[in-house]
Amino acid sequence: MTVTRPVTMRRMAGYEIAQLNVGRAVGPMDGRAMADFVARLDEINALAEASPGFVWRLQGDNGNATALRFTDDPRFIVNLSVWRSIDDLWAFTYATHHRELFRRRFEWFERSATPTVVLWWQPAGTIPGVPDALARLRRLTERGPTADAFTFKQHFPAPEAGGA
């Protein structure tokens, strides 16, 4: 798979990019199938936090979001974070060691016929809620990319830049 870097978009004052990615684990988090993934979580989360443009990430008492439940399915995992710009998020996702885990995602997570990642602009300093983030993912699934629910491949400028 070839991943192309998004066209640079200047982050306008007052907005940051939020991202949600979800997946259904192939097994329990404490099981053998997920062992390599779980073993790398602390490393990758520390890498995210040290990356340029990182603002915030969802985490539970265990330091990550794997134990947090937002559906009845205990294998449904959410990752929610906020970044200063799309370029910062892209650089972390595809130009760091995170890329290694991304390449192996289907070893740990079931394939999905619907989108598993959604991006949106939000006012700087805002902490996104999981229910809103999941609603944006549903909106992306139902309508395709829009100014309030989009992807790396088809993204929109921050509202101040005239995009929303």
N, C-alpha and C. Protein backbone atom coordinates (compact mmCIF):
# COMPACT_ATOMS: atom_id res chain seq x y z
N MET A 1 0.85 -1.17 0.00
CA MET A 1 0.00 0.00 0.00
C MET A 1 0.89 1.23 0.00
N THR A 2 0.64 2.15 -0.91
CA THR A 2 1.37 3.40 -0.95
C THR A 2 0.56 4.46 -0.25
N VAL A 3 1.20 5.15 0.68
CA VAL A 3 0.53 6.21 1.41
C VAL A 3 1.15 7.52 0.98
N THR A 4 0.33 8.45 0.55
CA THR A 4 0.84 9.75 0.14
C THR A 4 0.55 10.77 1.21
N ARG A 5 1.48 11.65 1.41
CA ARG A 5 1.35 12.70 2.43
C ARG A 5 0.29 13.70 1.96
N PRO A 6 -0.59 14.13 2.88
CA PRO A 6 -1.60 15.11 2.49
C PRO A 6 -0.95 16.44 2.13
N VAL A 7 -1.61 17.18 1.27
CA VAL A 7 -1.14 18.51 0.92
C VAL A 7 -1.08 19.33 2.20
N THR A 8 0.00 20.05 2.38
CA THR A 8 0.17 20.84 3.59
C THR A 8 -0.93 21.88 3.70
N MET A 9 -1.56 21.88 4.85
CA MET A 9 -2.59 22.87 5.14
C MET A 9 -2.19 23.56 6.42
N ARG A 10 -2.04 24.86 6.38
CA ARG A 10 -1.69 25.59 7.58
C ARG A 10 -2.81 25.49 8.59
N ARG A 11 -2.45 25.19 9.82
CA ARG A 11 -3.45 25.17 10.87
C ARG A 11 -3.80 26.60 11.19
N MET A 12 -5.05 26.90 11.08
CA MET A 12 -5.52 28.24 11.39
C MET A 12 -5.65 28.36 12.90
N ALA A 13 -5.35 29.54 13.42
CA ALA A 13 -5.45 29.77 14.86
C ALA A 13 -6.84 29.41 15.33
N GLY A 14 -6.89 28.67 16.42
CA GLY A 14 -8.18 28.36 17.00
C GLY A 14 -8.73 26.98 16.69
N TYR A 15 -8.09 26.21 15.82
CA TYR A 15 -8.59 24.87 15.50
C TYR A 15 -7.48 23.83 15.57
N GLU A 16 -7.87 22.64 16.01
CA GLU A 16 -6.98 21.48 16.03
C GLU A 16 -7.71 20.33 15.37
N ILE A 17 -6.95 19.30 15.01
CA ILE A 17 -7.55 18.14 14.33
C ILE A 17 -7.74 17.01 15.35
N ALA A 18 -8.93 16.47 15.37
CA ALA A 18 -9.22 15.31 16.21
C ALA A 18 -9.29 14.09 15.30
N GLN A 19 -8.94 12.95 15.84
CA GLN A 19 -9.02 11.71 15.07
C GLN A 19 -9.55 10.61 15.95
N LEU A 20 -10.36 9.77 15.34
CA LEU A 20 -10.84 8.55 15.98
C LEU A 20 -10.50 7.41 15.05
N ASN A 21 -9.91 6.35 15.60
CA ASN A 21 -9.83 5.11 14.84
C ASN A 21 -10.32 3.99 15.74
N VAL A 22 -11.00 3.07 15.13
CA VAL A 22 -11.63 1.98 15.86
C VAL A 22 -11.25 0.65 15.23
N GLY A 23 -11.41 -0.39 15.99
CA GLY A 23 -11.18 -1.72 15.46
C GLY A 23 -11.75 -2.77 16.39
N ARG A 24 -12.02 -3.92 15.82
CA ARG A 24 -12.47 -5.06 16.62
C ARG A 24 -11.31 -6.03 16.70
N ALA A 25 -10.78 -6.19 17.90
CA ALA A 25 -9.62 -7.06 18.11
C ALA A 25 -9.96 -8.49 17.73
N VAL A 26 -8.95 -9.21 17.24
CA VAL A 26 -9.17 -10.60 16.83
C VAL A 26 -9.30 -11.53 18.03
N GLY A 27 -8.99 -11.02 19.21
CA GLY A 27 -9.13 -11.81 20.43
C GLY A 27 -9.10 -10.90 21.63
N PRO A 28 -9.22 -11.47 22.83
CA PRO A 28 -9.16 -10.66 24.04
C PRO A 28 -7.80 -9.96 24.17
N MET A 29 -7.78 -8.78 24.79
CA MET A 29 -6.55 -8.02 24.92
C MET A 29 -5.49 -8.77 25.72
N ASP A 30 -5.90 -9.66 26.62
CA ASP A 30 -4.93 -10.42 27.40
C ASP A 30 -4.62 -11.78 26.79
N GLY A 31 -5.08 -12.00 25.56
CA GLY A 31 -4.86 -13.27 24.88
C GLY A 31 -3.62 -13.27 24.00
N ARG A 32 -3.28 -14.45 23.55
CA ARG A 32 -2.08 -14.65 22.73
C ARG A 32 -2.13 -13.87 21.42
N ALA A 33 -3.30 -13.81 20.77
CA ALA A 33 -3.43 -13.15 19.47
C ALA A 33 -3.09 -11.66 19.54
N MET A 34 -3.29 -11.05 20.70
CA MET A 34 -3.07 -9.61 20.84
C MET A 34 -1.77 -9.27 21.57
N ALA A 35 -1.00 -10.29 21.94
CA ALA A 35 0.18 -10.08 22.78
C ALA A 35 1.20 -9.10 22.18
N ASP A 36 1.53 -9.23 20.91
CA ASP A 36 2.50 -8.33 20.29
C ASP A 36 1.98 -6.90 20.26
N PHE A 37 0.70 -6.73 19.99
CA PHE A 37 0.09 -5.40 19.97
C PHE A 37 0.16 -4.77 21.37
N VAL A 38 -0.28 -5.49 22.36
CA VAL A 38 -0.30 -4.99 23.73
C VAL A 38 1.12 -4.66 24.20
N ALA A 39 2.09 -5.49 23.81
CA ALA A 39 3.47 -5.27 24.22
C ALA A 39 4.04 -3.95 23.70
N ARG A 40 3.50 -3.43 22.62
CA ARG A 40 4.01 -2.19 22.02
C ARG A 40 3.21 -0.95 22.40
N LEU A 41 2.09 -1.11 23.10
CA LEU A 41 1.22 0.04 23.39
C LEU A 41 1.92 1.17 24.14
N ASP A 42 2.62 0.86 25.22
CA ASP A 42 3.28 1.92 25.99
C ASP A 42 4.30 2.66 25.13
N GLU A 43 5.07 1.93 24.36
CA GLU A 43 6.08 2.53 23.48
C GLU A 43 5.42 3.48 22.47
N ILE A 44 4.38 3.01 21.81
CA ILE A 44 3.74 3.82 20.77
C ILE A 44 3.00 5.01 21.36
N ASN A 45 2.38 4.84 22.52
CA ASN A 45 1.72 5.97 23.16
C ASN A 45 2.73 7.02 23.60
N ALA A 46 3.89 6.60 24.11
CA ALA A 46 4.95 7.55 24.48
C ALA A 46 5.47 8.26 23.24
N LEU A 47 5.60 7.53 22.14
CA LEU A 47 6.03 8.14 20.89
C LEU A 47 5.03 9.21 20.44
N ALA A 48 3.75 8.91 20.53
CA ALA A 48 2.71 9.89 20.16
C ALA A 48 2.86 11.14 21.02
N GLU A 49 2.95 10.95 22.32
CA GLU A 49 3.02 12.09 23.24
C GLU A 49 4.26 12.94 23.02
N ALA A 50 5.34 12.35 22.53
CA ALA A 50 6.58 13.09 22.27
C ALA A 50 6.63 13.67 20.85
N SER A 51 5.65 13.34 20.04
CA SER A 51 5.65 13.78 18.64
C SER A 51 5.23 15.24 18.51
N PRO A 52 5.83 15.95 17.55
CA PRO A 52 5.42 17.33 17.30
C PRO A 52 3.93 17.40 16.99
N GLY A 53 3.27 18.35 17.61
CA GLY A 53 1.85 18.57 17.33
C GLY A 53 0.89 17.78 18.18
N PHE A 54 1.38 16.84 18.98
CA PHE A 54 0.48 16.07 19.84
C PHE A 54 -0.14 16.99 20.87
N VAL A 55 -1.46 16.82 21.11
CA VAL A 55 -2.16 17.63 22.10
C VAL A 55 -2.71 16.75 23.22
N TRP A 56 -3.44 15.68 22.88
CA TRP A 56 -4.16 14.90 23.89
C TRP A 56 -4.52 13.54 23.30
N ARG A 57 -4.65 12.53 24.19
CA ARG A 57 -5.18 11.22 23.77
C ARG A 57 -6.05 10.65 24.87
N LEU A 58 -7.03 9.89 24.48
CA LEU A 58 -7.91 9.20 25.41
C LEU A 58 -7.13 8.08 26.08
N GLN A 59 -7.27 7.97 27.39
CA GLN A 59 -6.63 6.86 28.10
C GLN A 59 -7.37 6.56 29.39
N GLY A 60 -7.33 5.31 29.76
CA GLY A 60 -7.92 4.86 31.01
C GLY A 60 -6.86 4.72 32.08
N ASP A 61 -7.22 4.06 33.15
CA ASP A 61 -6.30 3.86 34.28
C ASP A 61 -5.05 3.08 33.89
N ASN A 62 -5.14 2.28 32.82
CA ASN A 62 -4.00 1.48 32.39
C ASN A 62 -3.06 2.25 31.45
N GLY A 63 -3.33 3.53 31.20
CA GLY A 63 -2.47 4.33 30.35
C GLY A 63 -2.81 4.29 28.87
N ASN A 64 -3.78 3.47 28.50
CA ASN A 64 -4.24 3.44 27.11
C ASN A 64 -5.76 3.30 27.14
N ALA A 65 -6.37 3.16 25.99
CA ALA A 65 -7.84 3.12 25.93
C ALA A 65 -8.41 1.72 25.72
N THR A 66 -7.56 0.69 25.81
CA THR A 66 -8.03 -0.66 25.48
C THR A 66 -9.05 -1.21 26.47
N ALA A 67 -9.05 -0.74 27.70
CA ALA A 67 -9.99 -1.25 28.70
C ALA A 67 -11.28 -0.43 28.78
N LEU A 68 -11.32 0.69 28.07
CA LEU A 68 -12.51 1.53 28.09
C LEU A 68 -13.58 0.92 27.20
N ARG A 69 -14.83 0.90 27.65
CA ARG A 69 -15.92 0.27 26.91
C ARG A 69 -16.93 1.31 26.43
N PHE A 70 -17.21 1.27 25.13
CA PHE A 70 -18.17 2.21 24.55
C PHE A 70 -19.28 1.48 23.80
N THR A 71 -19.16 0.16 23.72
CA THR A 71 -20.20 -0.69 23.14
C THR A 71 -20.29 -1.94 24.02
N ASP A 72 -21.21 -2.81 23.70
CA ASP A 72 -21.34 -4.07 24.43
C ASP A 72 -20.25 -5.07 24.06
N ASP A 73 -19.51 -4.80 22.99
CA ASP A 73 -18.49 -5.72 22.51
C ASP A 73 -17.15 -5.42 23.20
N PRO A 74 -16.65 -6.31 24.06
CA PRO A 74 -15.40 -6.06 24.77
C PRO A 74 -14.17 -6.04 23.85
N ARG A 75 -14.32 -6.50 22.62
CA ARG A 75 -13.19 -6.49 21.68
C ARG A 75 -13.20 -5.26 20.78
N PHE A 76 -14.18 -4.35 20.95
CA PHE A 76 -14.24 -3.11 20.18
C PHE A 76 -13.36 -2.07 20.87
N ILE A 77 -12.31 -1.64 20.18
CA ILE A 77 -11.30 -0.74 20.74
C ILE A 77 -11.38 0.61 20.04
N VAL A 78 -11.26 1.68 20.82
CA VAL A 78 -11.23 3.03 20.24
C VAL A 78 -9.89 3.69 20.56
N ASN A 79 -9.45 4.51 19.65
CA ASN A 79 -8.28 5.35 19.83
C ASN A 79 -8.71 6.75 19.43
N LEU A 80 -8.63 7.68 20.36
CA LEU A 80 -9.10 9.05 20.12
C LEU A 80 -7.98 10.00 20.55
N SER A 81 -7.62 10.93 19.65
CA SER A 81 -6.56 11.87 19.98
C SER A 81 -6.79 13.20 19.29
N VAL A 82 -6.03 14.20 19.72
CA VAL A 82 -6.10 15.55 19.16
C VAL A 82 -4.68 15.99 18.82
N TRP A 83 -4.55 16.65 17.67
CA TRP A 83 -3.26 17.10 17.15
C TRP A 83 -3.37 18.54 16.67
N ARG A 84 -2.26 19.23 16.60
CA ARG A 84 -2.25 20.63 16.15
C ARG A 84 -2.61 20.75 14.66
N SER A 85 -2.22 19.77 13.85
CA SER A 85 -2.48 19.86 12.41
C SER A 85 -2.60 18.47 11.80
N ILE A 86 -3.16 18.43 10.61
CA ILE A 86 -3.23 17.17 9.86
C ILE A 86 -1.82 16.67 9.57
N ASP A 87 -0.92 17.58 9.21
CA ASP A 87 0.45 17.17 8.91
C ASP A 87 1.13 16.52 10.12
N ASP A 88 0.90 17.06 11.32
CA ASP A 88 1.49 16.46 12.52
C ASP A 88 0.95 15.05 12.75
N LEU A 89 -0.36 14.89 12.61
CA LEU A 89 -0.97 13.58 12.77
C LEU A 89 -0.47 12.62 11.71
N TRP A 90 -0.40 13.08 10.47
CA TRP A 90 0.09 12.23 9.38
C TRP A 90 1.53 11.78 9.66
N ALA A 91 2.38 12.72 10.09
CA ALA A 91 3.79 12.38 10.35
C ALA A 91 3.90 11.31 11.43
N PHE A 92 3.12 11.43 12.51
CA PHE A 92 3.15 10.40 13.54
C PHE A 92 2.67 9.06 12.98
N THR A 93 1.58 9.09 12.26
CA THR A 93 0.95 7.86 11.77
C THR A 93 1.82 7.11 10.78
N TYR A 94 2.43 7.82 9.84
CA TYR A 94 3.12 7.17 8.72
C TYR A 94 4.64 7.35 8.67
N ALA A 95 5.21 8.24 9.49
CA ALA A 95 6.64 8.52 9.38
C ALA A 95 7.39 8.24 10.69
N THR A 96 6.78 7.46 11.58
CA THR A 96 7.44 7.04 12.82
C THR A 96 7.31 5.52 12.95
N HIS A 97 7.77 4.98 14.06
CA HIS A 97 7.65 3.54 14.31
C HIS A 97 6.19 3.09 14.37
N HIS A 98 5.28 4.02 14.56
CA HIS A 98 3.85 3.68 14.53
C HIS A 98 3.49 2.98 13.21
N ARG A 99 4.18 3.35 12.15
CA ARG A 99 3.90 2.77 10.83
C ARG A 99 4.05 1.25 10.85
N GLU A 100 4.99 0.75 11.62
CA GLU A 100 5.19 -0.70 11.73
C GLU A 100 3.92 -1.38 12.26
N LEU A 101 3.32 -0.79 13.29
CA LEU A 101 2.10 -1.36 13.85
C LEU A 101 0.95 -1.20 12.86
N PHE A 102 0.90 -0.07 12.20
CA PHE A 102 -0.14 0.16 11.20
C PHE A 102 -0.08 -0.92 10.11
N ARG A 103 1.09 -1.25 9.67
CA ARG A 103 1.25 -2.29 8.64
C ARG A 103 0.77 -3.66 9.12
N ARG A 104 0.84 -3.89 10.40
CA ARG A 104 0.46 -5.20 10.97
C ARG A 104 -0.98 -5.22 11.50
N ARG A 105 -1.75 -4.16 11.28
CA ARG A 105 -3.07 -4.01 11.91
C ARG A 105 -4.01 -5.19 11.68
N PHE A 106 -3.91 -5.86 10.53
CA PHE A 106 -4.83 -6.96 10.28
C PHE A 106 -4.42 -8.25 10.97
N GLU A 107 -3.26 -8.27 11.60
CA GLU A 107 -2.90 -9.38 12.49
C GLU A 107 -3.70 -9.28 13.79
N TRP A 108 -4.05 -8.04 14.17
CA TRP A 108 -4.66 -7.79 15.47
C TRP A 108 -6.12 -7.35 15.40
N PHE A 109 -6.52 -6.80 14.26
CA PHE A 109 -7.88 -6.27 14.14
C PHE A 109 -8.56 -6.82 12.90
N GLU A 110 -9.83 -7.13 13.06
CA GLU A 110 -10.61 -7.64 11.94
C GLU A 110 -10.74 -6.57 10.85
N ARG A 111 -10.80 -7.02 9.60
CA ARG A 111 -11.04 -6.10 8.50
C ARG A 111 -12.47 -5.60 8.60
N SER A 112 -12.67 -4.38 8.15
CA SER A 112 -14.00 -3.78 8.21
C SER A 112 -14.43 -3.33 6.83
N ALA A 113 -15.70 -3.51 6.51
CA ALA A 113 -16.24 -3.05 5.24
C ALA A 113 -16.57 -1.55 5.29
N THR A 114 -16.49 -0.96 6.47
CA THR A 114 -16.80 0.46 6.63
C THR A 114 -15.57 1.19 7.15
N PRO A 115 -15.54 2.52 7.03
CA PRO A 115 -14.37 3.26 7.53
C PRO A 115 -14.11 3.00 9.01
N THR A 116 -12.83 3.02 9.36
CA THR A 116 -12.44 2.83 10.76
C THR A 116 -11.71 4.06 11.31
N VAL A 117 -11.50 5.06 10.47
CA VAL A 117 -10.81 6.28 10.87
C VAL A 117 -11.62 7.48 10.41
N VAL A 118 -11.74 8.48 11.29
CA VAL A 118 -12.40 9.73 10.93
C VAL A 118 -11.62 10.89 11.54
N LEU A 119 -11.53 11.98 10.81
CA LEU A 119 -10.88 13.21 11.26
C LEU A 119 -11.90 14.33 11.25
N TRP A 120 -11.70 15.34 12.11
CA TRP A 120 -12.53 16.54 12.08
C TRP A 120 -11.80 17.67 12.80
N TRP A 121 -12.12 18.88 12.39
CA TRP A 121 -11.61 20.07 13.06
C TRP A 121 -12.47 20.38 14.27
N GLN A 122 -11.82 20.86 15.31
CA GLN A 122 -12.56 21.29 16.50
C GLN A 122 -11.84 22.49 17.11
N PRO A 123 -12.56 23.30 17.88
CA PRO A 123 -11.92 24.46 18.51
C PRO A 123 -10.74 24.02 19.38
N ALA A 124 -9.65 24.74 19.30
CA ALA A 124 -8.46 24.44 20.11
C ALA A 124 -8.85 24.39 21.58
N GLY A 125 -8.26 23.43 22.28
CA GLY A 125 -8.52 23.28 23.70
C GLY A 125 -9.73 22.41 24.02
N THR A 126 -10.42 21.94 23.00
CA THR A 126 -11.59 21.08 23.19
C THR A 126 -11.15 19.63 23.30
N ILE A 127 -11.72 18.92 24.25
CA ILE A 127 -11.48 17.48 24.38
C ILE A 127 -12.69 16.78 23.79
N PRO A 128 -12.49 16.00 22.73
CA PRO A 128 -13.64 15.34 22.09
C PRO A 128 -14.20 14.22 22.95
N GLY A 129 -15.49 13.99 22.83
CA GLY A 129 -16.13 12.88 23.50
C GLY A 129 -16.26 11.69 22.57
N VAL A 130 -16.21 10.51 23.12
CA VAL A 130 -16.31 9.31 22.29
C VAL A 130 -17.67 9.21 21.60
N PRO A 131 -18.79 9.51 22.25
CA PRO A 131 -20.07 9.43 21.53
C PRO A 131 -20.11 10.32 20.29
N ASP A 132 -19.61 11.56 20.40
CA ASP A 132 -19.56 12.45 19.24
C ASP A 132 -18.63 11.89 18.18
N ALA A 133 -17.47 11.38 18.59
CA ALA A 133 -16.51 10.82 17.64
C ALA A 133 -17.11 9.63 16.89
N LEU A 134 -17.81 8.75 17.60
CA LEU A 134 -18.46 7.61 16.95
C LEU A 134 -19.56 8.08 16.00
N ALA A 135 -20.27 9.15 16.37
CA ALA A 135 -21.30 9.71 15.49
C ALA A 135 -20.65 10.25 14.22
N ARG A 136 -19.49 10.86 14.33
CA ARG A 136 -18.80 11.37 13.14
C ARG A 136 -18.36 10.22 12.24
N LEU A 137 -17.91 9.12 12.84
CA LEU A 137 -17.53 7.95 12.04
C LEU A 137 -18.75 7.40 11.30
N ARG A 138 -19.91 7.35 11.98
CA ARG A 138 -21.14 6.90 11.31
C ARG A 138 -21.50 7.86 10.17
N ARG A 139 -21.35 9.16 10.41
CA ARG A 139 -21.64 10.16 9.38
C ARG A 139 -20.74 9.96 8.17
N LEU A 140 -19.47 9.72 8.40
CA LEU A 140 -18.53 9.45 7.31
C LEU A 140 -18.96 8.21 6.54
N THR A 141 -19.35 7.17 7.26
CA THR A 141 -19.79 5.92 6.64
C THR A 141 -21.03 6.15 5.78
N GLU A 142 -21.97 6.92 6.29
CA GLU A 142 -23.25 7.13 5.59
C GLU A 142 -23.16 8.14 4.45
N ARG A 143 -22.38 9.20 4.61
CA ARG A 143 -22.38 10.31 3.64
C ARG A 143 -21.09 10.48 2.87
N GLY A 144 -20.04 9.81 3.30
CA GLY A 144 -18.74 10.07 2.71
C GLY A 144 -18.11 11.29 3.37
N PRO A 145 -16.92 11.68 2.92
CA PRO A 145 -16.23 12.80 3.53
C PRO A 145 -17.01 14.12 3.41
N THR A 146 -17.12 14.80 4.53
CA THR A 146 -17.73 16.13 4.60
C THR A 146 -16.83 16.98 5.49
N ALA A 147 -17.11 18.25 5.59
CA ALA A 147 -16.28 19.15 6.39
C ALA A 147 -16.24 18.76 7.87
N ASP A 148 -17.23 18.00 8.34
CA ASP A 148 -17.24 17.64 9.76
C ASP A 148 -16.93 16.17 10.03
N ALA A 149 -16.54 15.43 9.00
CA ALA A 149 -16.15 14.02 9.16
C ALA A 149 -15.42 13.60 7.88
N PHE A 150 -14.08 13.55 7.94
CA PHE A 150 -13.33 13.30 6.72
C PHE A 150 -12.15 12.37 6.98
N THR A 151 -11.30 12.19 5.97
CA THR A 151 -10.18 11.25 6.04
C THR A 151 -8.89 11.95 5.62
N PHE A 152 -7.78 11.25 5.76
CA PHE A 152 -6.52 11.77 5.24
C PHE A 152 -6.61 11.97 3.73
N LYS A 153 -7.24 11.04 3.03
CA LYS A 153 -7.30 11.11 1.57
C LYS A 153 -8.14 12.27 1.07
N GLN A 154 -9.21 12.59 1.77
CA GLN A 154 -10.06 13.70 1.37
C GLN A 154 -10.37 14.53 2.60
N HIS A 155 -9.54 15.53 2.82
CA HIS A 155 -9.72 16.35 4.01
C HIS A 155 -10.13 17.77 3.64
N PHE A 156 -10.52 18.51 4.63
CA PHE A 156 -11.07 19.85 4.47
C PHE A 156 -10.26 20.83 5.32
N PRO A 157 -10.24 22.09 4.90
CA PRO A 157 -9.53 23.09 5.71
C PRO A 157 -10.31 23.39 6.99
N ALA A 158 -9.59 23.95 7.96
CA ALA A 158 -10.23 24.36 9.21
C ALA A 158 -11.32 25.38 8.90
N PRO A 159 -12.37 25.43 9.72
CA PRO A 159 -13.46 26.36 9.45
C PRO A 159 -13.03 27.81 9.21
N GLU A 160 -12.03 28.29 9.93
CA GLU A 160 -11.57 29.67 9.71
C GLU A 160 -10.99 29.87 8.32
N ALA A 161 -10.54 28.75 7.71
CA ALA A 161 -9.95 28.85 6.38
C ALA A 161 -11.02 28.80 5.30
N GLY A 162 -12.27 28.83 5.70
CA GLY A 162 -13.36 28.86 4.74
C GLY A 162 -13.89 27.52 4.35
N GLY A 163 -13.55 26.45 5.10
CA GLY A 163 -13.97 25.12 4.69
C GLY A 163 -15.25 24.62 5.30
N ALA A 164 -15.75 25.21 6.36
CA ALA A 164 -16.96 24.65 6.97
C ALA A 164 -17.99 25.70 7.22
